[in-house]
Protein backbone atom coordinates (compact mmCIF):
# COMPACT_ATOMS: atom_id res chain seq x y z
CA MET A 1 105.44 81.66 115.41
CA PRO A 2 103.82 81.16 118.85
CA TYR A 3 100.38 82.48 117.85
CA ALA A 4 97.84 81.07 115.41
CA THR A 5 95.71 84.19 114.84
CA VAL A 6 95.79 87.95 115.19
CA HIS A 7 93.17 87.62 117.92
CA ASP A 8 95.53 85.32 119.87
CA VAL A 9 98.14 88.10 119.94
CA PHE A 10 95.62 90.67 121.12
CA ALA A 11 94.31 88.37 123.85
CA ALA A 12 97.81 87.67 125.16
CA THR A 13 98.74 91.35 125.37
CA ALA A 14 95.37 92.28 126.89
CA ALA A 15 95.92 89.65 129.60
CA ARG A 16 99.42 90.98 130.30
CA THR A 17 98.54 94.71 130.38
CA PRO A 18 94.80 94.92 131.10
CA GLN A 19 94.80 98.45 132.57
CA ALA A 20 97.13 100.00 130.00
CA GLU A 21 95.78 102.21 127.21
CA PHE A 22 95.18 100.28 123.98
CA LEU A 23 93.43 102.83 121.73
CA PHE A 24 93.51 106.60 122.07
CA THR A 25 91.14 108.90 120.18
CA GLU A 26 92.38 112.48 120.21
CA SER A 27 89.98 115.41 120.04
CA VAL A 28 90.15 116.16 116.30
CA THR A 29 89.26 112.60 115.33
CA ALA A 30 86.63 112.39 118.05
CA ALA A 31 84.94 115.52 116.69
CA ALA A 32 85.13 114.28 113.11
CA TYR A 33 83.50 110.97 114.02
CA GLY A 34 81.16 112.20 116.73
CA ILE A 35 82.61 109.76 119.26
CA GLU A 36 84.13 110.15 122.70
CA ALA A 37 87.72 111.35 122.96
CA GLY A 38 90.20 109.60 125.22
CA ALA A 39 91.59 106.15 125.88
CA ILE A 40 90.15 102.64 125.70
CA ARG A 41 92.03 100.20 127.92
CA TRP A 42 93.06 96.73 126.82
CA SER A 43 90.65 95.07 129.25
CA ASP A 44 87.70 97.17 128.03
CA ALA A 45 88.53 96.36 124.42
CA ALA A 46 88.78 92.67 125.28
CA GLU A 47 85.26 92.71 126.75
CA ARG A 48 83.82 94.42 123.67
CA ILE A 49 85.58 92.04 121.30
CA GLU A 50 84.43 88.99 123.24
CA ARG A 51 80.81 90.16 123.12
CA LEU A 52 81.09 90.60 119.37
CA ARG A 53 82.79 87.22 118.93
CA VAL A 54 79.94 85.47 120.72
CA ALA A 55 77.32 87.39 118.73
CA TYR A 56 78.93 86.48 115.40
CA MET A 57 79.34 82.85 116.45
CA GLN A 58 75.71 82.59 117.55
CA ALA A 59 74.62 84.13 114.24
CA GLY A 60 76.40 81.35 112.36
CA TYR A 61 79.56 83.06 111.16
CA GLY A 62 82.71 80.97 111.08
CA HIS A 63 85.79 79.71 109.29
CA GLY A 64 85.86 80.74 105.63
CA HIS A 65 83.23 83.48 105.69
CA ARG A 66 84.09 87.02 104.59
CA VAL A 67 82.60 90.20 106.10
CA GLY A 68 83.05 93.73 104.77
CA LEU A 69 83.99 96.59 107.09
CA LEU A 70 83.10 100.15 106.07
CA LEU A 71 83.97 101.82 109.37
CA GLU A 72 86.64 104.34 108.36
CA ASN A 73 89.39 104.52 111.02
CA ARG A 74 87.08 104.17 114.01
CA PRO A 75 87.84 101.91 117.00
CA ALA A 76 84.88 99.79 115.87
CA PHE A 77 86.96 98.60 112.91
CA ILE A 78 89.50 97.04 115.28
CA PHE A 79 86.84 95.48 117.50
CA HIS A 80 84.92 93.82 114.64
CA TRP A 81 88.11 92.68 112.90
CA LEU A 82 89.48 90.92 115.97
CA ALA A 83 86.13 89.35 116.91
CA LEU A 84 85.71 87.96 113.39
CA ASN A 85 89.34 86.85 113.23
CA ALA A 86 88.87 84.70 116.33
CA LEU A 87 86.25 82.70 114.39
CA GLY A 88 88.28 82.35 111.20
CA VAL A 89 86.21 84.98 109.36
CA SER A 90 88.16 87.14 106.91
CA VAL A 91 87.48 90.88 106.79
CA VAL A 92 87.26 92.92 103.59
CA PRO A 93 88.00 96.58 104.41
CA ILE A 94 85.94 98.96 102.27
CA ASN A 95 87.26 102.43 101.54
CA SER A 96 84.56 104.91 102.55
CA GLU A 97 85.39 107.00 99.46
CA MET A 98 84.22 104.22 97.13
CA ARG A 99 81.16 104.89 95.04
CA SER A 100 78.72 102.82 93.01
CA ALA A 101 80.87 101.15 90.34
CA GLU A 102 83.70 100.48 92.77
CA LEU A 103 81.34 98.96 95.34
CA VAL A 104 79.62 96.77 92.74
CA TYR A 105 83.01 95.38 91.73
CA LEU A 106 84.30 94.83 95.28
CA ILE A 107 81.13 93.18 96.59
CA GLY A 108 80.72 91.02 93.50
CA HIS A 109 84.36 89.98 93.41
CA SER A 110 84.76 89.25 97.12
CA GLU A 111 81.25 87.77 97.47
CA ILE A 112 80.81 89.17 100.96
CA GLY A 113 77.37 88.43 102.36
CA LEU A 114 77.52 90.99 105.18
CA ALA A 115 79.02 94.42 105.67
CA VAL A 116 79.39 96.26 108.97
CA THR A 117 78.93 99.84 107.87
CA LEU A 118 78.24 103.38 108.84
CA PRO A 119 74.45 103.71 108.67
CA GLU A 120 74.58 106.45 106.04
CA ARG A 121 76.34 104.11 103.58
CA ALA A 122 74.14 101.04 104.09
CA ALA A 123 71.79 101.87 101.22
CA ASP A 124 74.73 102.37 98.84
CA LEU A 125 76.14 98.97 99.77
CA ARG A 126 72.81 97.19 99.39
CA ALA A 127 72.21 98.79 95.99
CA ALA A 128 75.68 97.75 94.83
CA ALA A 129 75.15 94.19 96.09
CA ALA A 130 71.83 93.98 94.24
CA GLN A 131 73.52 95.14 91.04
CA ALA A 132 76.27 92.56 91.59
CA GLY A 133 73.69 89.83 92.19
CA ILE A 134 74.96 89.05 95.69
CA ALA A 135 72.67 88.06 98.59
CA PHE A 136 73.65 90.67 101.11
CA GLU A 137 72.97 92.15 104.57
CA THR A 138 74.24 95.27 106.32
CA MET A 139 74.52 96.12 110.00
CA GLY A 140 75.70 99.12 111.99
CA PRO A 141 78.71 98.71 114.28
CA ASP A 142 76.44 98.44 117.37
CA ASP A 143 73.56 96.51 115.78
CA ALA A 144 72.51 92.92 116.36
CA VAL A 145 74.30 90.53 114.01
CA PRO A 146 71.98 89.18 111.27
CA ARG A 147 71.87 85.45 110.73
CA ALA A 148 74.49 84.10 108.31
CA ARG A 149 72.90 83.03 105.02
CA THR A 150 75.34 80.13 104.47
CA ALA A 151 77.26 77.68 106.62
CA PRO A 152 80.96 78.47 107.20
CA PRO A 153 82.82 77.18 104.10
CA ARG A 154 85.59 75.64 106.21
CA ALA A 155 83.53 74.51 109.17
CA GLY A 156 85.32 71.83 111.15
CA GLU A 157 88.79 72.87 110.00
CA PRO A 158 91.04 74.40 112.67
CA VAL A 159 91.64 78.15 112.43
CA GLY A 160 95.37 78.76 112.16
CA THR A 161 98.22 80.75 110.66
CA ASP A 162 97.24 79.84 107.08
CA THR A 163 93.64 80.96 107.57
CA GLU A 164 92.67 84.02 105.54
CA CYS A 165 92.67 87.03 107.86
CA GLY A 166 91.92 89.80 105.39
CA LEU A 167 91.23 90.50 101.73
CA LEU A 168 92.81 93.83 100.79
CA TYR A 169 92.34 95.36 97.38
CA THR A 170 95.21 97.04 95.59
CA SER A 171 94.66 100.67 94.62
CA GLY A 172 94.20 99.85 90.95
CA THR A 173 96.56 102.46 89.49
CA THR A 174 97.03 100.32 86.35
CA GLY A 175 93.70 98.50 86.03
CA ARG A 176 91.05 96.68 88.02
CA PRO A 177 91.92 96.33 91.71
CA LYS A 178 93.19 92.88 92.68
CA GLY A 179 92.07 91.18 95.89
CA CYS A 180 95.16 90.20 97.89
CA ILE A 181 94.47 87.22 100.14
CA LEU A 182 96.37 87.80 103.40
CA SER A 183 96.74 85.10 106.04
CA ASN A 184 97.14 85.30 109.79
CA ALA A 185 100.81 84.45 109.23
CA TYR A 186 101.17 87.53 107.01
CA PHE A 187 99.87 89.84 109.77
CA LEU A 188 101.72 88.09 112.59
CA ARG A 189 105.00 88.34 110.70
CA ALA A 190 104.43 92.07 110.15
CA GLY A 191 104.08 92.60 113.89
CA GLU A 192 107.10 90.46 114.70
CA TRP A 193 109.27 92.24 112.14
CA TYR A 194 108.26 95.67 113.39
CA ALA A 195 108.68 94.79 117.06
CA ALA A 196 112.22 93.52 116.39
CA LEU A 197 113.48 96.67 114.62
CA ASP A 198 116.76 98.10 115.84
CA GLY A 199 119.06 100.99 115.03
CA VAL A 200 117.12 104.25 114.65
CA CYS A 201 113.81 102.42 115.07
CA SER A 202 113.96 100.50 118.33
CA ILE A 203 110.64 99.44 119.91
CA ARG A 204 110.20 99.68 123.69
CA ARG A 205 107.84 96.97 124.88
CA ASP A 206 104.52 98.30 126.26
CA LYS A 207 105.70 101.92 125.97
CA GLU A 208 105.24 103.11 122.38
CA ARG A 209 102.28 105.21 121.28
CA VAL A 210 101.95 104.88 117.51
CA ILE A 211 100.02 107.61 115.69
CA THR A 212 98.90 107.17 112.09
CA PRO A 213 96.53 109.00 109.76
CA LEU A 214 96.72 106.21 107.17
CA PRO A 215 93.53 104.29 106.36
CA LEU A 216 92.76 100.95 107.97
CA ASN A 217 91.72 99.64 104.55
CA HIS A 218 95.42 99.63 103.58
CA MET A 219 98.20 97.32 104.67
CA ASN A 220 100.35 99.93 106.40
CA ALA A 221 97.75 100.70 109.06
CA MET A 222 96.34 97.17 109.32
CA ALA A 223 99.54 95.16 109.13
CA PHE A 224 102.18 97.48 110.58
CA SER A 225 100.96 100.15 113.02
CA THR A 226 98.14 98.01 114.42
CA MET A 227 100.12 94.78 114.55
CA VAL A 228 103.16 96.22 116.33
CA VAL A 229 100.86 97.49 119.10
CA LEU A 230 99.09 94.13 119.33
CA LEU A 231 102.39 92.28 119.56
CA ALA A 232 104.63 94.63 121.55
CA GLY A 233 101.98 96.39 123.63
CA GLY A 234 101.52 100.11 123.94
CA CYS A 235 98.83 102.30 122.41
CA LEU A 236 97.50 102.90 118.90
CA VAL A 237 96.43 106.44 117.99
CA GLN A 238 94.42 106.07 114.79
CA LEU A 239 93.51 109.44 113.27
CA ASP A 240 90.53 109.87 110.97
CA ARG A 241 92.88 111.31 108.34
CA PHE A 242 95.82 113.67 107.99
CA HIS A 243 95.05 117.22 109.14
CA PRO A 244 98.20 119.30 108.55
CA LYS A 245 97.04 122.22 110.70
CA SER A 246 96.27 120.09 113.77
CA TRP A 247 98.57 117.10 113.30
CA LEU A 248 101.25 118.32 115.71
CA ALA A 249 98.67 119.17 118.34
CA SER A 250 97.16 115.69 117.94
CA ALA A 251 100.60 114.12 118.33
CA LYS A 252 101.20 116.09 121.53
CA GLU A 253 97.72 115.43 122.96
CA SER A 254 98.08 111.69 122.39
CA GLY A 255 101.68 111.46 123.62
CA ALA A 256 102.73 109.87 120.32
CA THR A 257 106.24 108.41 120.20
CA ILE A 258 106.19 106.90 116.68
CA VAL A 259 104.47 108.39 113.64
CA HIS A 260 103.52 106.91 110.27
CA TYR A 261 103.62 109.13 107.18
CA LEU A 262 103.36 109.27 103.41
CA GLY A 263 105.58 111.51 101.29
CA VAL A 264 103.07 114.33 100.89
CA MET A 265 102.71 114.83 104.65
CA PRO A 266 106.20 116.24 105.41
CA ALA A 267 105.80 118.69 102.51
CA MET A 268 102.52 119.98 103.92
CA LEU A 269 103.92 120.33 107.44
CA LEU A 270 106.96 122.20 106.15
CA SER A 271 104.71 124.70 104.36
CA ALA A 272 103.35 125.96 107.70
CA PRO A 273 105.14 128.84 109.47
CA VAL A 274 107.94 127.81 111.81
CA SER A 275 106.72 127.58 115.41
CA ALA A 276 108.04 126.73 118.84
CA ALA A 277 105.49 123.89 118.80
CA ASP A 278 107.45 122.16 116.02
CA ARG A 279 109.57 120.37 118.60
CA ASP A 280 107.08 120.29 121.46
CA HIS A 281 106.32 116.58 121.17
CA ALA A 282 107.53 113.14 122.30
CA ILE A 283 108.04 111.67 118.80
CA ARG A 284 111.12 109.47 118.49
CA TRP A 285 110.97 108.60 114.78
CA GLY A 286 108.71 108.31 111.75
CA PHE A 287 107.98 105.28 109.55
CA GLY A 288 107.02 105.90 105.95
CA ALA A 289 107.93 106.18 102.31
CA GLY A 290 108.14 108.68 99.50
CA VAL A 291 109.35 111.81 101.27
CA ASP A 292 110.53 114.26 98.63
CA ARG A 293 114.31 114.32 98.59
CA LYS A 294 114.43 118.11 98.99
CA ASN A 295 112.22 117.96 102.09
CA HIS A 296 113.87 115.11 103.98
CA ALA A 297 116.75 116.88 105.74
CA PRO A 298 114.87 120.18 106.29
CA PHE A 299 112.02 118.29 107.97
CA GLU A 300 114.33 116.42 110.34
CA ASP A 301 116.20 119.62 111.20
CA ARG A 302 113.00 121.52 111.93
CA PHE A 303 110.88 118.91 113.73
CA GLY A 304 113.67 117.04 115.49
CA PHE A 305 113.01 113.41 114.59
CA PRO A 306 114.13 111.13 111.73
CA LEU A 307 111.85 110.11 108.89
CA VAL A 308 112.87 106.53 108.20
CA GLU A 309 112.12 105.44 104.65
CA ALA A 310 111.00 101.88 103.95
CA TRP A 311 109.78 99.76 101.03
CA ALA A 312 107.00 97.16 101.01
CA MET A 313 103.87 96.25 99.05
CA THR A 314 100.52 94.80 99.99
CA GLU A 315 101.66 91.56 98.38
CA THR A 316 104.94 91.36 100.33
CA GLY A 317 103.95 92.65 103.76
CA ALA A 318 106.98 92.37 106.01
CA ALA A 319 108.24 89.25 104.22
CA ALA A 320 110.40 91.46 102.02
CA CYS A 321 110.27 94.82 103.80
CA ILE A 322 113.41 96.90 103.34
CA MET A 323 114.04 99.82 105.70
CA ALA A 324 116.75 102.44 106.23
CA ASN A 325 116.66 101.98 110.01
CA ARG A 326 120.44 102.00 110.43
CA GLU A 327 122.92 104.77 109.82
CA PRO A 328 124.01 105.99 107.39
CA ARG A 329 120.44 106.53 106.16
CA LEU A 330 121.63 108.76 103.27
CA VAL A 331 118.95 111.34 103.97
CA GLY A 332 117.62 113.11 100.88
CA THR A 333 118.61 110.46 98.34
CA SER A 334 115.48 108.22 98.20
CA CYS A 335 117.49 105.51 99.97
CA PHE A 336 115.29 102.91 101.67
CA GLY A 337 117.91 100.66 103.26
CA ARG A 338 119.88 97.50 102.65
CA GLN A 339 119.13 93.81 102.23
CA GLU A 340 118.36 91.77 105.35
CA ASP A 341 119.05 88.05 105.87
CA PHE A 342 115.38 87.03 105.67
CA VAL A 343 114.92 88.24 102.08
CA GLU A 344 116.59 87.58 98.73
CA ILE A 345 116.73 90.42 96.20
CA ARG A 346 117.52 90.83 92.51
CA LEU A 347 117.47 93.88 90.24
CA VAL A 348 116.87 92.90 86.62
CA GLY A 349 116.65 94.63 83.26
CA ASP A 350 114.06 94.14 80.54
CA ASP A 351 115.91 91.03 79.33
CA GLY A 352 115.69 89.41 82.77
CA SER A 353 119.42 89.64 83.50
CA ASP A 354 120.87 91.29 86.59
CA VAL A 355 121.76 94.96 86.13
CA ASP A 356 125.06 96.57 87.05
CA VAL A 357 125.76 98.60 90.18
CA ASP A 358 123.93 101.96 90.08
CA ALA A 359 121.82 100.91 87.08
CA PRO A 360 118.04 100.84 87.58
CA GLY A 361 116.32 97.48 87.39
CA GLU A 362 113.03 95.92 88.42
CA LEU A 363 113.05 94.82 92.05
CA LEU A 364 112.47 91.07 92.46
CA VAL A 365 112.11 89.65 95.97
CA ARG A 366 111.43 86.38 97.77
CA SER A 367 111.82 84.95 101.25
CA ALA A 368 115.16 83.36 102.05
CA GLY A 369 115.06 79.64 102.82
CA PRO A 370 113.11 76.70 101.41
CA ASP A 371 109.77 78.53 100.97
CA PRO A 372 110.16 81.62 98.74
CA ARG A 373 106.54 82.69 99.41
CA ARG A 374 106.73 82.47 103.19
CA TYR A 375 104.76 85.32 104.83
CA PHE A 376 103.84 86.85 101.45
CA PHE A 377 100.23 87.23 100.29
CA SER A 378 98.54 83.92 99.56
CA GLY A 379 97.54 84.95 96.03
CA TYR A 380 95.13 87.14 94.09
CA LEU A 381 91.51 86.15 94.57
CA LYS A 382 90.05 84.50 91.45
CA ASP A 383 93.15 85.36 89.42
CA ASP A 384 95.59 82.47 89.38
CA GLU A 385 97.11 83.74 86.15
CA ALA A 386 98.03 87.10 87.72
CA THR A 387 99.45 85.27 90.75
CA ARG A 388 101.61 83.06 88.50
CA GLU A 389 102.74 86.09 86.52
CA ALA A 390 103.71 87.95 89.68
CA TRP A 391 105.75 84.93 90.80
CA ALA A 392 107.39 84.20 87.43
CA ASP A 393 110.58 82.14 87.76
CA GLY A 394 110.17 81.84 91.53
CA TRP A 395 110.61 85.55 92.27
CA PHE A 396 107.94 88.11 93.13
CA HIS A 397 108.04 90.83 90.47
CA THR A 398 107.31 94.13 92.21
CA GLY A 399 107.03 96.42 89.19
CA ASP A 400 109.27 98.95 90.97
CA LEU A 401 112.47 100.27 89.43
CA VAL A 402 115.27 100.42 91.99
CA ARG A 403 119.04 100.89 91.87
CA ARG A 404 121.69 99.57 94.26
CA ASP A 405 125.01 101.29 94.89
CA ALA A 406 128.36 99.66 95.54
CA GLU A 407 127.75 99.68 99.31
CA GLY A 408 124.48 97.77 98.94
CA ASN A 409 122.11 100.68 99.56
CA PHE A 410 118.82 100.60 97.64
CA PHE A 411 117.31 103.71 96.05
CA PHE A 412 113.78 104.01 94.71
CA VAL A 413 113.58 105.20 91.09
CA ASP A 414 109.95 104.77 89.99
CA ARG A 415 107.19 102.34 89.18
CA LYS A 416 108.26 100.40 86.09
CA LYS A 417 105.09 101.27 84.19
CA ASN A 418 105.60 104.96 84.94
CA VAL A 419 108.78 105.07 82.88
CA ILE A 420 108.68 107.19 79.73
CA ARG A 421 111.00 106.03 76.94
CA ARG A 422 112.06 109.03 74.83
CA SER A 423 114.67 108.54 72.09
CA GLY A 424 116.05 105.53 73.95
CA GLU A 425 116.25 107.33 77.32
CA ASN A 426 114.20 106.01 80.24
CA ILE A 427 112.56 108.85 82.17
CA SER A 428 111.01 108.42 85.61
CA ALA A 429 107.65 110.15 85.98
CA VAL A 430 108.14 110.48 89.74
CA GLU A 431 111.51 112.16 89.30
CA VAL A 432 110.08 114.77 86.93
CA GLU A 433 107.02 115.34 89.15
CA SER A 434 109.27 115.95 92.15
CA VAL A 435 110.96 118.82 90.31
CA LEU A 436 107.80 120.30 88.81
CA ASN A 437 106.13 120.40 92.24
CA GLN A 438 108.80 122.85 93.42
CA HIS A 439 107.64 125.54 90.97
CA PRO A 440 105.60 128.24 92.74
CA ALA A 441 102.75 128.06 90.19
CA VAL A 442 102.36 124.29 90.62
CA LYS A 443 100.02 122.89 93.24
CA ALA A 444 100.30 119.31 91.94
CA SER A 445 101.65 117.58 88.85
CA ALA A 446 101.43 114.23 87.12
CA VAL A 447 103.64 113.15 84.26
CA ALA A 448 102.97 110.57 81.54
CA ALA A 449 104.10 109.59 78.06
CA THR A 450 102.35 110.91 74.98
CA PRO A 451 103.15 109.56 71.48
CA ASP A 452 105.82 111.31 69.41
CA GLU A 453 106.41 110.32 65.80
CA VAL A 454 110.15 110.93 66.00
CA ARG A 455 111.09 110.09 69.60
CA GLY A 456 108.61 107.35 70.46
CA ASP A 457 107.40 109.03 73.65
CA GLU A 458 107.36 112.64 74.73
CA VAL A 459 106.95 113.90 78.29
CA LEU A 460 103.53 115.41 79.05
CA ALA A 461 102.92 117.12 82.37
CA CYS A 462 99.42 117.69 83.76
CA ILE A 463 99.53 120.70 86.07
CA VAL A 464 97.07 121.82 88.73
CA MET A 465 97.93 125.44 89.41
CA SER A 466 98.43 126.84 92.89
CA GLU A 467 95.77 129.04 94.41
CA GLY A 468 96.53 132.64 93.50
CA ALA A 469 98.69 131.74 90.50
CA ASP A 470 97.96 133.78 87.37
CA GLY A 471 96.26 131.52 84.84
CA SER A 472 95.59 134.24 82.27
CA GLN A 473 98.77 133.57 80.27
CA PRO A 474 99.19 129.79 80.12
CA GLU A 475 101.95 129.94 77.50
CA GLN A 476 104.16 132.05 79.72
CA THR A 477 103.43 129.90 82.78
CA ALA A 478 104.21 126.73 80.82
CA ALA A 479 107.49 128.20 79.61
CA SER A 480 108.42 129.14 83.18
CA ILE A 481 107.67 125.60 84.39
CA VAL A 482 109.77 124.05 81.62
CA GLU A 483 112.66 126.46 82.28
CA HIS A 484 112.47 125.41 85.94
CA ALA A 485 112.69 121.75 84.89
CA LEU A 486 115.54 122.36 82.45
CA ALA A 487 117.53 123.96 85.26
CA GLN A 488 117.34 120.78 87.34
CA LEU A 489 116.94 117.88 84.90
CA ALA A 490 118.54 116.59 81.72
CA TYR A 491 116.86 118.35 78.80
CA TYR A 492 115.06 115.22 77.58
CA LYS A 493 113.29 114.81 80.96
CA ALA A 494 111.62 118.24 80.83
CA PRO A 495 107.98 118.37 79.68
CA GLY A 496 107.43 118.59 75.94
CA TYR A 497 103.81 119.42 76.68
CA VAL A 498 102.31 121.24 79.66
CA ALA A 499 98.58 120.69 80.13
CA PHE A 500 96.74 122.80 82.70
CA VAL A 501 93.96 120.77 84.33
CA ASP A 502 91.48 121.38 87.14
CA ALA A 503 92.30 118.11 88.93
CA LEU A 504 94.51 115.04 88.57
CA PRO A 505 92.99 111.57 88.21
CA LEU A 506 93.34 109.95 91.65
CA THR A 507 92.48 106.59 93.18
CA PRO A 508 90.33 106.43 96.36
CA SER A 509 93.60 106.31 98.33
CA GLN A 510 94.75 109.57 96.68
CA LYS A 511 97.42 108.02 94.49
CA ILE A 512 97.74 109.13 90.87
CA GLN A 513 95.58 106.88 88.69
CA ARG A 514 98.33 106.08 86.22
CA GLY A 515 96.13 104.13 83.82
CA GLN A 516 93.68 107.02 83.44
CA LEU A 517 96.55 109.50 83.24
CA ARG A 518 98.09 107.58 80.34
CA GLU A 519 94.76 107.68 78.53
CA MET A 520 94.52 111.45 79.06
CA ALA A 521 98.05 111.93 77.75
CA GLN A 522 97.11 110.33 74.43
CA SER A 523 94.51 113.00 73.64
CA LEU A 524 95.62 116.20 75.38
CA PRO A 525 98.13 117.52 72.77
CA GLY A 526 96.35 119.90 70.45
CA GLN A 527 93.67 120.79 72.98
CA ALA A 528 93.20 124.20 74.56
CA ARG A 529 95.40 124.80 77.61
CA CYS A 530 97.84 122.09 76.51
CA ILE A 531 100.98 123.99 75.55
CA ASP A 532 103.55 122.50 73.16
CA THR A 533 106.95 123.21 74.72
CA ARG A 534 109.04 120.79 72.67
CA SER A 535 111.03 123.62 71.05
CA MET A 536 112.44 124.52 74.47
CA LYS A 537 114.05 121.09 74.85
CA LYS A 538 117.52 121.40 73.39
CA ARG A 539 120.62 119.40 74.17
CA GLN A 540 122.95 121.49 76.30
CA ALA A 541 126.34 122.39 74.90
């Protein structure tokens, strides 16, 4: 690895392509943030980052410090991150959707002494820090840097590939968020892996324009879309968020050639009327995960570019990334590729033994070669026990259920803890949700287990109804939803209870909060607007 830090990579590319466009803010994001639309060149960014680096250094920040960044997806996030990285300071991205209890936990756990924040959130951060008992300062993105309260913890040690670059918190779908310690090596490897992709996903040096609506406080935007631009050159188009009505116009305005997506985005784009603008773009391919099987082929046919499914976690980064970047991609099957030489993979059952072909098992991964943890996260902050548990028996336990066919293709099944076990049958919550979401009365669904005296678990579906759907006869609507499920799934997978709710429990990153959902599922049966549909579930002749 020729570089020691993320800043080193940026500096090298900026020196090579000083007049090229580095960051592009299209008009929708510019309006949302109240900033100027247009391009920032590599040389201009380098000057801003150098000024910040000097300011932080003169204020006493250095190797081993951590600084929070609550800057949404603004260019300022990139500038402060790279300036701090040059000094060996780790950044702790803070989701702007976080509120009091979440901020108290994050600030107290990470022990950040400074946050660069939007001015309107400074008081919230200071109040949370006071509650956490942390000595704390805030500054705006253009403010003078306050003096560091402590000396750099690793002063005198060289900043290198093993230095902590970022502390990213998991979404906390099953409990308290964990702080994933991510080194420079982790980020550099992500950029190298991405830049070397082939097949459907080739990268043209200094030519790609990567557009993403994903948040910079998550690994996809920080470690993949940003890092491939830093390493391979080109331009990053960081949107404030996903706007389905203007997304195509933003892609065209910015000249995007590669897009990043999550599964919900193709569904929302497909729901819009067909237009000649659907193919009026320069997009070559999309990088993402979780596209609904029924939407995959129709999206590619309509919009004219492939959605390439991949698998990774915050903990793995690119060290164990699996991607369907070569044909056949098996579109519409939840296939996310085959094993590469740099990673070792096992699929195991509950007893720890390897499962058979086409049988679901937990995905275990590690780096090939003498160091199984090479380029993975460095560990969970202040939680050695969780780190050891994740690495039990020398393999990283992902918690994802995956199956592998005879040709070596991997298919995502579900999160292991999302599995409902009814009368000995394992049922994937994601699989059932995918079917329920196709019903015209369903805006969104979330499925969990609820206790059943006879069967162990029963399937309970929480349903948010579509706008305009008739909610006056919930029993009839529930029956229609279950009939829809029975037509597409084995009878035991259909909901035994249908609960109509105003909203689903979601994490700040808009994922289903599975822990809270499981708690809801324990108490919903018997309540108003929770319909018992178990009598509809009969084994087919």
